Amino acid sequence: VGEKAFQYLSKKGWNVVKKCISVGDYASEKQVHPIAEFIIAGYLEKKWDRVVVVSTHFKSALRQEPHVRRILPIDFEHIKETLQEIVPATGRFSDIIKIDDITPAAAESVSYLIEPSPEVVLEDLAKHLLFMQVYHLILESNASEHSARRLAMKTASDNASDLGQALNLQYNKVRQAVITNQIIEITAGSEAQ
């Protein structure tokens, strides 16, 4: 996803199966659905046996990390791990969900009536989970990019401000030296007369 990723992978000699450059800074569901559908179709047609995504993981405004995440195949442990990764570790949304008590045994102790059938519902949920993972990864990458840009601009502004102060100090020293030389010349000229 993205022109820079395509250029990087092509330069490294990787076989790029599909290039998706229509996903912008403000990713919408309409832009992400074709990507998710492509991944699902390739997996179901057995073009690949697993799907691993490499992206940036947004930890905070000052910290982003490269992250490798498996999104297919899906199993119970994978769903639990995905939920733990998607819910932010810090910030105001970090306490939205507590997933420490999710276990297969707890799920088996309650009986549910599922319509039309458990297979159809689970298939739709799996597709939706994959879509949400891809959407979340794109949003996280965008947040990481914007945060890195903001930090770079702040650093550049701070450096420019420091440079301006240093130049102003140097200018004042040179101006003071010129004034001192002029005073010395005037004083020396008046003593010579």
N, C-alpha and C. Protein backbone atom coordinates (compact mmCIF):
# COMPACT_ATOMS: atom_id res chain seq x y z
N VAL A 1 0.85 -1.17 0.00
CA VAL A 1 0.00 0.00 0.00
C VAL A 1 0.90 1.23 0.00
N GLY A 2 0.76 2.05 -1.02
CA GLY A 2 1.53 3.28 -1.11
C GLY A 2 2.63 3.20 -2.15
N GLU A 3 2.93 4.34 -2.74
CA GLU A 3 3.93 4.43 -3.80
C GLU A 3 5.33 4.14 -3.27
N LYS A 4 5.65 4.67 -2.08
CA LYS A 4 6.99 4.46 -1.53
C LYS A 4 7.23 2.99 -1.20
N ALA A 5 6.22 2.32 -0.69
CA ALA A 5 6.36 0.88 -0.40
C ALA A 5 6.59 0.11 -1.70
N PHE A 6 5.85 0.47 -2.74
CA PHE A 6 6.03 -0.19 -4.04
C PHE A 6 7.44 0.03 -4.57
N GLN A 7 7.93 1.26 -4.52
CA GLN A 7 9.27 1.55 -5.00
C GLN A 7 10.34 0.80 -4.20
N TYR A 8 10.16 0.75 -2.88
CA TYR A 8 11.13 0.06 -2.03
C TYR A 8 11.17 -1.43 -2.35
N LEU A 9 10.00 -2.05 -2.43
CA LEU A 9 9.95 -3.50 -2.70
C LEU A 9 10.45 -3.82 -4.10
N SER A 10 10.13 -2.99 -5.07
CA SER A 10 10.63 -3.21 -6.44
C SER A 10 12.14 -3.09 -6.49
N LYS A 11 12.67 -2.11 -5.77
CA LYS A 11 14.11 -1.89 -5.73
C LYS A 11 14.83 -3.09 -5.10
N LYS A 12 14.20 -3.71 -4.11
CA LYS A 12 14.78 -4.86 -3.43
C LYS A 12 14.59 -6.16 -4.20
N GLY A 13 13.84 -6.10 -5.32
CA GLY A 13 13.65 -7.28 -6.15
C GLY A 13 12.49 -8.18 -5.74
N TRP A 14 11.59 -7.70 -4.90
CA TRP A 14 10.44 -8.49 -4.48
C TRP A 14 9.39 -8.51 -5.58
N ASN A 15 8.62 -9.56 -5.63
CA ASN A 15 7.53 -9.69 -6.59
C ASN A 15 6.30 -8.98 -6.03
N VAL A 16 5.98 -7.83 -6.56
CA VAL A 16 4.81 -7.08 -6.10
C VAL A 16 3.60 -7.57 -6.87
N VAL A 17 2.64 -8.18 -6.14
CA VAL A 17 1.46 -8.77 -6.77
C VAL A 17 0.45 -7.70 -7.14
N LYS A 18 0.28 -6.72 -6.26
CA LYS A 18 -0.68 -5.64 -6.52
C LYS A 18 -0.19 -4.37 -5.83
N LYS A 19 -0.37 -3.27 -6.52
CA LYS A 19 0.03 -1.96 -5.99
C LYS A 19 -1.22 -1.16 -5.69
N CYS A 20 -1.37 -0.72 -4.45
CA CYS A 20 -2.54 0.06 -4.04
C CYS A 20 -2.07 1.46 -3.64
N ILE A 21 -2.35 2.42 -4.50
CA ILE A 21 -1.93 3.79 -4.21
C ILE A 21 -3.11 4.72 -4.02
N SER A 22 -4.31 4.18 -4.01
CA SER A 22 -5.50 5.03 -3.89
C SER A 22 -5.85 5.33 -2.45
N VAL A 23 -5.07 4.83 -1.50
CA VAL A 23 -5.36 5.06 -0.09
C VAL A 23 -4.60 6.29 0.36
N GLY A 24 -5.33 7.32 0.74
CA GLY A 24 -4.70 8.58 1.08
C GLY A 24 -4.60 8.81 2.58
N ASP A 25 -4.32 10.06 2.93
CA ASP A 25 -4.19 10.43 4.34
C ASP A 25 -5.50 10.25 5.08
N TYR A 26 -6.60 10.44 4.40
CA TYR A 26 -7.91 10.28 5.01
C TYR A 26 -8.54 9.02 4.43
N ALA A 27 -8.04 7.87 4.85
CA ALA A 27 -8.51 6.59 4.31
C ALA A 27 -9.96 6.37 4.65
N SER A 28 -10.72 5.98 3.65
CA SER A 28 -12.13 5.68 3.87
C SER A 28 -12.35 4.18 3.71
N GLU A 29 -13.50 3.74 4.15
CA GLU A 29 -13.83 2.31 4.02
C GLU A 29 -13.87 1.89 2.56
N LYS A 30 -14.31 2.78 1.68
CA LYS A 30 -14.38 2.46 0.26
C LYS A 30 -12.99 2.20 -0.32
N GLN A 31 -11.97 2.87 0.20
CA GLN A 31 -10.61 2.67 -0.28
C GLN A 31 -10.00 1.39 0.27
N VAL A 32 -10.42 0.97 1.45
CA VAL A 32 -9.82 -0.18 2.11
C VAL A 32 -10.48 -1.49 1.69
N HIS A 33 -11.77 -1.47 1.37
CA HIS A 33 -12.49 -2.70 1.00
C HIS A 33 -11.82 -3.46 -0.14
N PRO A 34 -11.40 -2.81 -1.24
CA PRO A 34 -10.74 -3.59 -2.30
C PRO A 34 -9.46 -4.28 -1.85
N ILE A 35 -8.73 -3.66 -0.96
CA ILE A 35 -7.50 -4.28 -0.44
C ILE A 35 -7.85 -5.52 0.37
N ALA A 36 -8.83 -5.39 1.28
CA ALA A 36 -9.24 -6.53 2.10
C ALA A 36 -9.81 -7.65 1.24
N GLU A 37 -10.62 -7.29 0.25
CA GLU A 37 -11.20 -8.32 -0.64
C GLU A 37 -10.11 -9.03 -1.44
N PHE A 38 -9.10 -8.30 -1.89
CA PHE A 38 -7.99 -8.90 -2.63
C PHE A 38 -7.23 -9.90 -1.74
N ILE A 39 -6.98 -9.52 -0.50
CA ILE A 39 -6.28 -10.40 0.43
C ILE A 39 -7.09 -11.66 0.70
N ILE A 40 -8.39 -11.49 0.96
CA ILE A 40 -9.26 -12.64 1.24
C ILE A 40 -9.34 -13.56 0.03
N ALA A 41 -9.53 -12.98 -1.16
CA ALA A 41 -9.65 -13.79 -2.37
C ALA A 41 -8.38 -14.59 -2.63
N GLY A 42 -7.23 -13.97 -2.48
CA GLY A 42 -5.97 -14.67 -2.68
C GLY A 42 -5.77 -15.79 -1.68
N TYR A 43 -6.20 -15.55 -0.44
CA TYR A 43 -6.05 -16.58 0.59
C TYR A 43 -7.00 -17.75 0.32
N LEU A 44 -8.24 -17.44 -0.02
CA LEU A 44 -9.21 -18.51 -0.29
C LEU A 44 -8.87 -19.29 -1.55
N GLU A 45 -8.26 -18.63 -2.54
CA GLU A 45 -7.85 -19.33 -3.76
C GLU A 45 -6.51 -20.03 -3.59
N LYS A 46 -5.96 -19.97 -2.37
CA LYS A 46 -4.69 -20.62 -2.01
C LYS A 46 -3.50 -20.08 -2.81
N LYS A 47 -3.56 -18.80 -3.17
CA LYS A 47 -2.40 -18.17 -3.79
C LYS A 47 -1.30 -17.97 -2.76
N TRP A 48 -1.70 -17.82 -1.49
CA TRP A 48 -0.75 -17.73 -0.39
C TRP A 48 -1.35 -18.43 0.82
N ASP A 49 -0.49 -18.97 1.67
CA ASP A 49 -0.98 -19.73 2.81
C ASP A 49 -1.07 -18.90 4.09
N ARG A 50 -0.49 -17.73 4.09
CA ARG A 50 -0.63 -16.80 5.22
C ARG A 50 -0.37 -15.39 4.72
N VAL A 51 -0.87 -14.44 5.48
CA VAL A 51 -0.68 -13.03 5.13
C VAL A 51 -0.05 -12.34 6.33
N VAL A 52 1.09 -11.72 6.10
CA VAL A 52 1.82 -10.99 7.13
C VAL A 52 1.96 -9.55 6.64
N VAL A 53 1.68 -8.61 7.52
CA VAL A 53 1.74 -7.20 7.16
C VAL A 53 2.86 -6.53 7.96
N VAL A 54 3.67 -5.76 7.26
CA VAL A 54 4.72 -4.98 7.90
C VAL A 54 4.29 -3.52 7.81
N SER A 55 4.21 -2.87 8.95
CA SER A 55 3.76 -1.48 8.97
C SER A 55 4.36 -0.78 10.19
N THR A 56 4.01 0.49 10.36
CA THR A 56 4.44 1.20 11.55
C THR A 56 3.37 1.07 12.61
N HIS A 57 3.80 0.91 13.84
CA HIS A 57 2.89 0.80 14.97
C HIS A 57 2.97 2.09 15.76
N PHE A 58 1.87 2.79 15.86
CA PHE A 58 1.81 4.08 16.53
C PHE A 58 1.68 3.83 18.03
N LYS A 59 2.76 4.12 18.77
CA LYS A 59 2.74 3.97 20.23
C LYS A 59 2.29 5.28 20.89
N SER A 60 2.92 6.38 20.47
CA SER A 60 2.57 7.70 20.98
C SER A 60 3.03 8.73 19.95
N ALA A 61 2.77 9.99 20.24
CA ALA A 61 3.15 11.03 19.30
C ALA A 61 4.66 11.09 19.10
N LEU A 62 5.42 10.62 20.09
CA LEU A 62 6.87 10.67 19.99
C LEU A 62 7.48 9.31 19.64
N ARG A 63 6.67 8.27 19.58
CA ARG A 63 7.23 6.94 19.39
C ARG A 63 6.39 6.11 18.43
N GLN A 64 7.02 5.73 17.32
CA GLN A 64 6.42 4.81 16.37
C GLN A 64 7.44 3.70 16.12
N GLU A 65 6.94 2.48 15.96
CA GLU A 65 7.84 1.35 15.80
C GLU A 65 7.45 0.55 14.57
N PRO A 66 8.42 -0.08 13.91
CA PRO A 66 8.05 -1.02 12.85
C PRO A 66 7.39 -2.25 13.48
N HIS A 67 6.42 -2.78 12.80
CA HIS A 67 5.65 -3.87 13.39
C HIS A 67 5.30 -4.90 12.32
N VAL A 68 5.45 -6.17 12.66
CA VAL A 68 5.07 -7.27 11.78
C VAL A 68 3.88 -7.95 12.41
N ARG A 69 2.78 -8.04 11.64
CA ARG A 69 1.54 -8.61 12.17
C ARG A 69 0.98 -9.64 11.19
N ARG A 70 0.67 -10.81 11.68
CA ARG A 70 0.02 -11.83 10.86
C ARG A 70 -1.48 -11.56 10.89
N ILE A 71 -2.11 -11.48 9.72
CA ILE A 71 -3.56 -11.25 9.70
C ILE A 71 -4.33 -12.47 9.18
N LEU A 72 -3.67 -13.39 8.49
CA LEU A 72 -4.30 -14.64 8.06
C LEU A 72 -3.29 -15.76 8.22
N PRO A 73 -3.65 -16.92 8.61
CA PRO A 73 -4.98 -17.45 8.97
C PRO A 73 -5.42 -16.95 10.35
N ILE A 74 -6.72 -17.03 10.58
CA ILE A 74 -7.31 -16.55 11.81
C ILE A 74 -7.65 -17.75 12.69
N ASP A 75 -7.25 -17.70 13.97
CA ASP A 75 -7.66 -18.69 14.96
C ASP A 75 -7.94 -17.94 16.26
N PHE A 76 -8.36 -18.64 17.31
CA PHE A 76 -8.77 -17.97 18.54
C PHE A 76 -7.63 -17.15 19.15
N GLU A 77 -6.44 -17.74 19.25
CA GLU A 77 -5.31 -17.02 19.84
C GLU A 77 -4.95 -15.79 19.01
N HIS A 78 -5.10 -15.92 17.69
CA HIS A 78 -4.83 -14.79 16.80
C HIS A 78 -5.82 -13.66 17.05
N ILE A 79 -7.08 -13.98 17.27
CA ILE A 79 -8.10 -12.96 17.54
C ILE A 79 -7.79 -12.24 18.85
N LYS A 80 -7.43 -13.02 19.87
CA LYS A 80 -7.10 -12.42 21.18
C LYS A 80 -5.88 -11.51 21.04
N GLU A 81 -4.86 -11.97 20.33
CA GLU A 81 -3.65 -11.17 20.12
C GLU A 81 -3.97 -9.90 19.33
N THR A 82 -4.83 -10.02 18.32
CA THR A 82 -5.22 -8.86 17.52
C THR A 82 -5.93 -7.82 18.37
N LEU A 83 -6.84 -8.28 19.23
CA LEU A 83 -7.54 -7.34 20.11
C LEU A 83 -6.57 -6.62 21.03
N GLN A 84 -5.59 -7.35 21.54
CA GLN A 84 -4.61 -6.72 22.42
C GLN A 84 -3.77 -5.70 21.67
N GLU A 85 -3.48 -5.95 20.39
CA GLU A 85 -2.67 -5.03 19.60
C GLU A 85 -3.45 -3.80 19.16
N ILE A 86 -4.73 -3.98 18.85
CA ILE A 86 -5.53 -2.87 18.33
C ILE A 86 -5.88 -1.87 19.42
N VAL A 87 -6.21 -2.35 20.62
CA VAL A 87 -6.56 -1.44 21.71
C VAL A 87 -5.29 -0.73 22.15
N PRO A 88 -5.30 0.62 22.19
CA PRO A 88 -4.08 1.36 22.54
C PRO A 88 -3.62 1.05 23.96
N ALA A 89 -2.31 1.04 24.16
CA ALA A 89 -1.74 0.75 25.47
C ALA A 89 -1.85 1.95 26.40
N THR A 90 -1.82 3.16 25.84
CA THR A 90 -1.92 4.37 26.65
C THR A 90 -2.96 5.29 26.04
N GLY A 91 -3.35 6.28 26.80
CA GLY A 91 -4.31 7.26 26.29
C GLY A 91 -5.70 7.01 26.82
N ARG A 92 -6.62 7.83 26.37
CA ARG A 92 -7.96 7.78 26.94
C ARG A 92 -8.78 6.57 26.48
N PHE A 93 -8.37 5.89 25.41
CA PHE A 93 -9.11 4.73 24.94
C PHE A 93 -8.48 3.41 25.39
N SER A 94 -7.46 3.48 26.24
CA SER A 94 -6.75 2.26 26.63
C SER A 94 -7.57 1.37 27.56
N ASP A 95 -8.55 1.92 28.25
CA ASP A 95 -9.36 1.12 29.18
C ASP A 95 -10.71 0.71 28.62
N ILE A 96 -10.90 0.84 27.31
CA ILE A 96 -12.19 0.53 26.71
C ILE A 96 -12.55 -0.94 26.88
N ILE A 97 -11.58 -1.80 26.67
CA ILE A 97 -11.87 -3.24 26.71
C ILE A 97 -10.82 -3.93 27.56
N LYS A 98 -11.29 -4.80 28.40
CA LYS A 98 -10.39 -5.64 29.18
C LYS A 98 -10.54 -7.06 28.65
N ILE A 99 -9.47 -7.60 28.09
CA ILE A 99 -9.58 -8.91 27.43
C ILE A 99 -8.84 -10.01 28.17
N ASP A 100 -8.54 -9.77 29.46
CA ASP A 100 -7.82 -10.78 30.22
C ASP A 100 -8.67 -12.02 30.47
N ASP A 101 -10.01 -11.86 30.51
CA ASP A 101 -10.87 -12.98 30.86
C ASP A 101 -11.47 -13.70 29.64
N ILE A 102 -10.97 -13.45 28.45
CA ILE A 102 -11.47 -14.13 27.26
C ILE A 102 -10.74 -15.46 27.12
N THR A 103 -11.48 -16.52 27.26
CA THR A 103 -10.92 -17.86 27.09
C THR A 103 -11.91 -18.72 26.33
N PRO A 104 -11.44 -19.75 25.64
CA PRO A 104 -12.38 -20.64 24.96
C PRO A 104 -13.33 -21.32 25.94
N ALA A 105 -12.87 -21.64 27.14
CA ALA A 105 -13.73 -22.30 28.12
C ALA A 105 -14.88 -21.39 28.54
N ALA A 106 -14.58 -20.10 28.72
CA ALA A 106 -15.64 -19.14 29.09
C ALA A 106 -16.65 -19.01 27.97
N ALA A 107 -16.20 -19.09 26.73
CA ALA A 107 -17.11 -18.98 25.60
C ALA A 107 -17.98 -20.23 25.47
N GLU A 108 -17.45 -21.39 25.84
CA GLU A 108 -18.22 -22.64 25.73
C GLU A 108 -19.27 -22.77 26.82
N SER A 109 -19.14 -22.07 27.93
CA SER A 109 -20.07 -22.21 29.04
C SER A 109 -21.42 -21.55 28.77
N VAL A 110 -21.51 -20.73 27.75
CA VAL A 110 -22.76 -20.05 27.41
C VAL A 110 -23.23 -20.58 26.06
N SER A 111 -24.53 -20.85 25.95
CA SER A 111 -25.04 -21.34 24.66
C SER A 111 -25.81 -20.22 23.98
N TYR A 112 -25.60 -20.11 22.66
CA TYR A 112 -26.23 -19.07 21.86
C TYR A 112 -26.94 -19.71 20.67
N LEU A 113 -28.00 -19.07 20.24
CA LEU A 113 -28.66 -19.46 19.00
C LEU A 113 -28.15 -18.51 17.93
N ILE A 114 -27.50 -19.07 16.91
CA ILE A 114 -26.88 -18.25 15.87
C ILE A 114 -27.63 -18.47 14.57
N GLU A 115 -28.10 -17.37 13.99
CA GLU A 115 -28.83 -17.41 12.72
C GLU A 115 -28.02 -16.74 11.64
N PRO A 116 -27.96 -17.14 10.42
CA PRO A 116 -28.56 -18.33 9.81
C PRO A 116 -27.82 -19.61 10.21
N SER A 117 -26.49 -19.58 10.35
CA SER A 117 -25.75 -20.72 10.86
C SER A 117 -24.42 -20.22 11.42
N PRO A 118 -23.81 -20.95 12.33
CA PRO A 118 -22.52 -20.50 12.87
C PRO A 118 -21.46 -20.32 11.80
N GLU A 119 -21.45 -21.18 10.77
CA GLU A 119 -20.44 -21.08 9.72
C GLU A 119 -20.55 -19.77 8.96
N VAL A 120 -21.78 -19.41 8.58
CA VAL A 120 -22.00 -18.17 7.81
C VAL A 120 -21.63 -16.96 8.66
N VAL A 121 -22.05 -16.98 9.92
CA VAL A 121 -21.76 -15.85 10.81
C VAL A 121 -20.26 -15.72 11.03
N LEU A 122 -19.59 -16.84 11.28
CA LEU A 122 -18.14 -16.79 11.51
C LEU A 122 -17.39 -16.35 10.26
N GLU A 123 -17.87 -16.77 9.09
CA GLU A 123 -17.23 -16.35 7.84
C GLU A 123 -17.34 -14.84 7.66
N ASP A 124 -18.54 -14.31 7.92
CA ASP A 124 -18.73 -12.86 7.82
C ASP A 124 -17.91 -12.11 8.87
N LEU A 125 -17.87 -12.66 10.09
CA LEU A 125 -17.07 -12.02 11.15
C LEU A 125 -15.58 -12.05 10.81
N ALA A 126 -15.12 -13.16 10.25
CA ALA A 126 -13.70 -13.25 9.88
C ALA A 126 -13.37 -12.23 8.80
N LYS A 127 -14.25 -12.08 7.80
CA LYS A 127 -14.02 -11.07 6.75
C LYS A 127 -14.01 -9.67 7.35
N HIS A 128 -14.95 -9.42 8.27
CA HIS A 128 -15.02 -8.10 8.89
C HIS A 128 -13.79 -7.85 9.77
N LEU A 129 -13.34 -8.86 10.49
CA LEU A 129 -12.13 -8.72 11.31
C LEU A 129 -10.92 -8.39 10.44
N LEU A 130 -10.78 -9.08 9.32
CA LEU A 130 -9.66 -8.80 8.43
C LEU A 130 -9.76 -7.38 7.88
N PHE A 131 -10.95 -6.97 7.49
CA PHE A 131 -11.15 -5.60 7.00
C PHE A 131 -10.75 -4.60 8.08
N MET A 132 -11.20 -4.83 9.32
CA MET A 132 -10.89 -3.90 10.40
C MET A 132 -9.39 -3.86 10.68
N GLN A 133 -8.72 -5.01 10.56
CA GLN A 133 -7.27 -5.03 10.77
C GLN A 133 -6.56 -4.21 9.70
N VAL A 134 -6.94 -4.40 8.45
CA VAL A 134 -6.30 -3.65 7.36
C VAL A 134 -6.59 -2.16 7.53
N TYR A 135 -7.82 -1.82 7.82
CA TYR A 135 -8.20 -0.42 8.03
C TYR A 135 -7.41 0.18 9.19
N HIS A 136 -7.32 -0.56 10.28
CA HIS A 136 -6.59 -0.11 11.45
C HIS A 136 -5.10 0.09 11.13
N LEU A 137 -4.52 -0.83 10.38
CA LEU A 137 -3.10 -0.71 10.01
C LEU A 137 -2.85 0.53 9.16
N ILE A 138 -3.76 0.81 8.23
CA ILE A 138 -3.61 1.99 7.39
C ILE A 138 -3.75 3.27 8.22
N LEU A 139 -4.74 3.30 9.11
CA LEU A 139 -4.91 4.47 9.97
C LEU A 139 -3.71 4.66 10.89
N GLU A 140 -3.19 3.55 11.43
CA GLU A 140 -2.01 3.63 12.29
C GLU A 140 -0.79 4.14 11.53
N SER A 141 -0.63 3.68 10.30
CA SER A 141 0.49 4.15 9.47
C SER A 141 0.35 5.64 9.19
N ASN A 142 -0.86 6.08 8.88
CA ASN A 142 -1.09 7.51 8.63
C ASN A 142 -0.80 8.33 9.89
N ALA A 143 -1.26 7.84 11.05
CA ALA A 143 -1.00 8.55 12.30
C ALA A 143 0.50 8.62 12.58
N SER A 144 1.20 7.52 12.34
CA SER A 144 2.65 7.50 12.55
C SER A 144 3.36 8.47 11.62
N GLU A 145 2.93 8.49 10.35
CA GLU A 145 3.55 9.40 9.39
C GLU A 145 3.33 10.86 9.77
N HIS A 146 2.09 11.20 10.14
CA HIS A 146 1.79 12.58 10.52
C HIS A 146 2.55 12.98 11.78
N SER A 147 2.64 12.06 12.73
CA SER A 147 3.37 12.35 13.96
C SER A 147 4.86 12.56 13.68
N ALA A 148 5.43 11.71 12.83
CA ALA A 148 6.84 11.86 12.48
C ALA A 148 7.08 13.17 11.73
N ARG A 149 6.16 13.54 10.85
CA ARG A 149 6.30 14.81 10.13
C ARG A 149 6.21 15.99 11.09
N ARG A 150 5.25 15.91 12.03
CA ARG A 150 5.09 17.00 12.99
C ARG A 150 6.35 17.13 13.84
N LEU A 151 6.89 16.01 14.28
CA LEU A 151 8.10 16.04 15.09
C LEU A 151 9.29 16.58 14.28
N ALA A 152 9.38 16.19 13.02
CA ALA A 152 10.46 16.70 12.16
C ALA A 152 10.32 18.21 11.96
N MET A 153 9.10 18.68 11.76
CA MET A 153 8.89 20.12 11.58
C MET A 153 9.19 20.88 12.87
N LYS A 154 8.81 20.31 14.02
CA LYS A 154 9.11 20.95 15.29
C LYS A 154 10.62 21.03 15.50
N THR A 155 11.32 19.95 15.19
CA THR A 155 12.77 19.93 15.32
C THR A 155 13.40 20.95 14.39
N ALA A 156 12.92 21.03 13.15
CA ALA A 156 13.44 22.00 12.20
C ALA A 156 13.17 23.43 12.68
N SER A 157 11.97 23.67 13.21
CA SER A 157 11.64 25.01 13.73
C SER A 157 12.54 25.36 14.91
N ASP A 158 12.74 24.40 15.82
CA ASP A 158 13.62 24.64 16.97
C ASP A 158 15.05 24.93 16.51
N ASN A 159 15.53 24.15 15.54
CA ASN A 159 16.89 24.37 15.01
C ASN A 159 17.01 25.72 14.33
N ALA A 160 15.96 26.11 13.58
CA ALA A 160 15.98 27.41 12.91
C ALA A 160 15.97 28.53 13.95
N SER A 161 15.21 28.36 15.01
CA SER A 161 15.18 29.37 16.07
C SER A 161 16.54 29.48 16.75
N ASP A 162 17.15 28.33 17.06
CA ASP A 162 18.49 28.34 17.66
C ASP A 162 19.51 28.99 16.73
N LEU A 163 19.43 28.66 15.44
CA LEU A 163 20.34 29.24 14.46
C LEU A 163 20.14 30.75 14.36
N GLY A 164 18.87 31.19 14.39
CA GLY A 164 18.57 32.62 14.36
C GLY A 164 19.15 33.34 15.56
N GLN A 165 19.02 32.74 16.74
CA GLN A 165 19.59 33.35 17.94
C GLN A 165 21.11 33.41 17.87
N ALA A 166 21.73 32.34 17.37
CA ALA A 166 23.19 32.32 17.24
C ALA A 166 23.66 33.37 16.25
N LEU A 167 22.96 33.49 15.11
CA LEU A 167 23.32 34.51 14.12
C LEU A 167 23.11 35.92 14.66
N ASN A 168 22.05 36.11 15.42
CA ASN A 168 21.79 37.42 16.02
C ASN A 168 22.90 37.78 17.02
N LEU A 169 23.33 36.81 17.82
CA LEU A 169 24.42 37.03 18.76
C LEU A 169 25.72 37.37 18.01
N GLN A 170 26.00 36.62 16.94
CA GLN A 170 27.21 36.88 16.15
C GLN A 170 27.14 38.26 15.50
N TYR A 171 25.97 38.63 14.98
CA TYR A 171 25.78 39.95 14.37
C TYR A 171 26.04 41.06 15.39
N ASN A 172 25.50 40.87 16.60
CA ASN A 172 25.69 41.89 17.64
C ASN A 172 27.15 42.00 18.05
N LYS A 173 27.87 40.88 18.12
CA LYS A 173 29.30 40.92 18.45
C LYS A 173 30.09 41.65 17.37
N VAL A 174 29.80 41.36 16.10
CA VAL A 174 30.50 42.03 14.99
C VAL A 174 30.18 43.52 14.99
N ARG A 175 28.91 43.87 15.20
CA ARG A 175 28.52 45.29 15.23
C ARG A 175 29.20 46.00 16.39
N GLN A 176 29.26 45.34 17.54
CA GLN A 176 29.93 45.94 18.70
C GLN A 176 31.42 46.12 18.42
N ALA A 177 32.05 45.15 17.74
CA ALA A 177 33.48 45.28 17.39
C ALA A 177 33.70 46.45 16.44
N VAL A 178 32.80 46.63 15.47
CA VAL A 178 32.93 47.75 14.52
C VAL A 178 32.79 49.07 15.26
N ILE A 179 31.81 49.14 16.15
CA ILE A 179 31.61 50.38 16.93
C ILE A 179 32.84 50.66 17.79
N THR A 180 33.38 49.62 18.44
CA THR A 180 34.58 49.79 19.26
C THR A 180 35.75 50.27 18.42
N ASN A 181 35.94 49.70 17.22
CA ASN A 181 37.02 50.14 16.32
C ASN A 181 36.84 51.60 15.92
N GLN A 182 35.61 52.01 15.63
CA GLN A 182 35.35 53.40 15.26
C GLN A 182 35.67 54.34 16.42
N ILE A 183 35.30 53.93 17.63
CA ILE A 183 35.59 54.77 18.81
C ILE A 183 37.10 54.88 19.00
N ILE A 184 37.82 53.75 18.80
CA ILE A 184 39.28 53.76 18.94
C ILE A 184 39.89 54.68 17.89
N GLU A 185 39.39 54.62 16.64
CA GLU A 185 39.92 55.47 15.58
C GLU A 185 39.66 56.95 15.88
N ILE A 186 38.49 57.27 16.36
CA ILE A 186 38.16 58.66 16.70
C ILE A 186 39.04 59.15 17.83
N THR A 187 39.20 58.30 18.85
CA THR A 187 40.03 58.68 19.99
C THR A 187 41.48 58.84 19.56
N ALA A 188 41.98 57.93 18.75
CA ALA A 188 43.36 58.02 18.28
C ALA A 188 43.54 59.25 17.38
N GLY A 189 42.55 59.58 16.57
CA GLY A 189 42.63 60.77 15.71
C GLY A 189 42.62 62.03 16.50
N SER A 190 41.82 62.13 17.57
CA SER A 190 41.74 63.34 18.39
C SER A 190 43.03 63.51 19.21
N GLU A 191 43.65 62.44 19.64
CA GLU A 191 44.92 62.53 20.38
C GLU A 191 46.05 62.93 19.45
N ALA A 192 45.96 62.53 18.19
CA ALA A 192 47.02 62.87 17.23
C ALA A 192 46.97 64.36 16.92
N GLN A 193 45.87 65.02 17.02
CA GLN A 193 45.79 66.44 16.71
C GLN A 193 46.26 67.20 17.88
